[in-house]
C-alpha atoms as a PDB file:
ATOM      1  CA  UNK A   1    -111.304 -76.731  80.484  1.00  0.00           C
ATOM      2  CA  UNK A   2    -108.733 -74.938  82.341  1.00  0.00           C
ATOM      3  CA  UNK A   3    -106.464 -75.475  79.325  1.00  0.00           C
ATOM      4  CA  UNK A   4    -108.648 -73.629  76.925  1.00  0.00           C
ATOM      5  CA  UNK A   5    -108.937 -70.619  79.229  1.00  0.00           C
ATOM      6  CA  UNK A   6    -107.242 -67.639  78.164  1.00  0.00           C
ATOM      7  CA  UNK A   7    -106.409 -66.266  81.859  1.00  0.00           C
ATOM      8  CA  UNK A   8    -106.264 -69.866  83.893  1.00  0.00           C
ATOM      9  CA  UNK A   9    -102.764 -69.696  84.321  1.00  0.00           C
ATOM     10  CA  UNK A  10    -103.207 -66.426  86.086  1.00  0.00           C
ATOM     11  CA  UNK A  11    -105.107 -68.173  88.620  1.00  0.00           C
ATOM     12  CA  UNK A  12    -104.424 -71.886  88.525  1.00  0.00           C
ATOM     13  CA  UNK A  13    -101.379 -73.981  88.857  1.00  0.00           C
ATOM     14  CA  UNK A  14    -100.775 -77.835  87.598  1.00  0.00           C
ATOM     15  CA  UNK A  15    -102.252 -78.780  90.831  1.00  0.00           C
ATOM     16  CA  UNK A  16    -105.256 -76.254  91.118  1.00  0.00           C
ATOM     17  CA  UNK A  17    -105.406 -72.757  92.677  1.00  0.00           C
ATOM     18  CA  UNK A  18    -102.416 -71.455  94.182  1.00  0.00           C
ATOM     19  CA  UNK A  19    -103.523 -69.526  97.414  1.00  0.00           C
ATOM     20  CA  UNK A  20     -99.849 -68.364  97.744  1.00  0.00           C
ATOM     21  CA  UNK A  21     -99.714 -66.498  94.155  1.00  0.00           C
ATOM     22  CA  UNK A  22    -103.256 -65.168  94.690  1.00  0.00           C
ATOM     23  CA  UNK A  23    -102.769 -63.386  98.052  1.00  0.00           C
ATOM     24  CA  UNK A  24    -100.609 -60.362  97.444  1.00  0.00           C
ATOM     25  CA  UNK A  25    -101.732 -57.946 100.274  1.00  0.00           C
ATOM     26  CA  UNK A  26    -100.703 -60.076 103.362  1.00  0.00           C
ATOM     27  CA  UNK A  27     -97.076 -60.975 104.240  1.00  0.00           C
ATOM     28  CA  UNK A  28     -94.932 -63.229 106.813  1.00  0.00           C
ATOM     29  CA  UNK A  29     -96.785 -64.948 109.357  1.00  0.00           C
ATOM     30  CA  UNK A  30    -100.229 -63.432 108.510  1.00  0.00           C
ATOM     31  CA  UNK A  31    -100.057 -64.640 105.017  1.00  0.00           C
ATOM     32  CA  UNK A  32     -98.995 -68.148 106.119  1.00  0.00           C
ATOM     33  CA  UNK A  33    -101.888 -68.394 108.698  1.00  0.00           C
ATOM     34  CA  UNK A  34    -104.301 -66.960 106.418  1.00  0.00           C
ATOM     35  CA  UNK A  35    -103.276 -69.365 103.779  1.00  0.00           C
ATOM     36  CA  UNK A  36    -103.434 -72.269 106.169  1.00  0.00           C
ATOM     37  CA  UNK A  37    -107.113 -71.133 107.237  1.00  0.00           C
ATOM     38  CA  UNK A  38    -108.478 -70.893 103.824  1.00  0.00           C
ATOM     39  CA  UNK A  39    -106.939 -74.388 102.704  1.00  0.00           C
ATOM     40  CA  UNK A  40    -108.839 -75.791 105.602  1.00  0.00           C
ATOM     41  CA  UNK A  41    -111.979 -74.713 104.137  1.00  0.00           C
ATOM     42  CA  UNK A  42    -111.298 -75.038 100.442  1.00  0.00           C
ATOM     43  CA  UNK A  43    -111.001 -78.834  99.757  1.00  0.00           C
ATOM     44  CA  UNK A  44    -112.780 -80.497  97.164  1.00  0.00           C
ATOM     45  CA  UNK A  45    -113.876 -83.525  99.344  1.00  0.00           C
ATOM     46  CA  UNK A  46    -116.336 -82.587 102.360  1.00  0.00           C
ATOM     47  CA  UNK A  47    -114.464 -85.190 104.685  1.00  0.00           C
ATOM     48  CA  UNK A  48    -111.317 -83.255 104.037  1.00  0.00           C
ATOM     49  CA  UNK A  49    -112.994 -79.996 105.037  1.00  0.00           C
ATOM     50  CA  UNK A  50    -112.295 -78.401 108.393  1.00  0.00           C
ATOM     51  CA  UNK A  51    -115.567 -78.330 110.350  1.00  0.00           C
ATOM     52  CA  UNK A  52    -116.915 -74.870 111.591  1.00  0.00           C
ATOM     53  CA  UNK A  53    -115.779 -75.516 114.970  1.00  0.00           C
ATOM     54  CA  UNK A  54    -112.349 -76.418 113.994  1.00  0.00           C
ATOM     55  CA  UNK A  55    -112.101 -73.213 112.007  1.00  0.00           C
ATOM     56  CA  UNK A  56    -113.201 -71.330 115.074  1.00  0.00           C
ATOM     57  CA  UNK A  57    -110.607 -72.699 117.019  1.00  0.00           C
ATOM     58  CA  UNK A  58    -107.948 -71.952 114.202  1.00  0.00           C
ATOM     59  CA  UNK A  59    -104.863 -70.173 115.482  1.00  0.00           C
ATOM     60  CA  UNK A  60    -105.448 -67.630 112.904  1.00  0.00           C
ATOM     61  CA  UNK A  61    -108.604 -66.342 114.516  1.00  0.00           C
ATOM     62  CA  UNK A  62    -107.542 -66.660 118.070  1.00  0.00           C
ATOM     63  CA  UNK A  63    -103.896 -65.068 117.788  1.00  0.00           C
END
């Protein structure tokens, strides 16, 4: 499906979605922390996702 999409290459890499490429507003440490936070939520397998409690304790929210 992704290979047939006309604009798939804009949003997906061979490994899936590239948050690093999609996020163009933040820079430096803020970008790194945001991407780490999002990757904790956006895991395909539920057991790999961070819990709400884990996310609330994320350094990006408490820095």
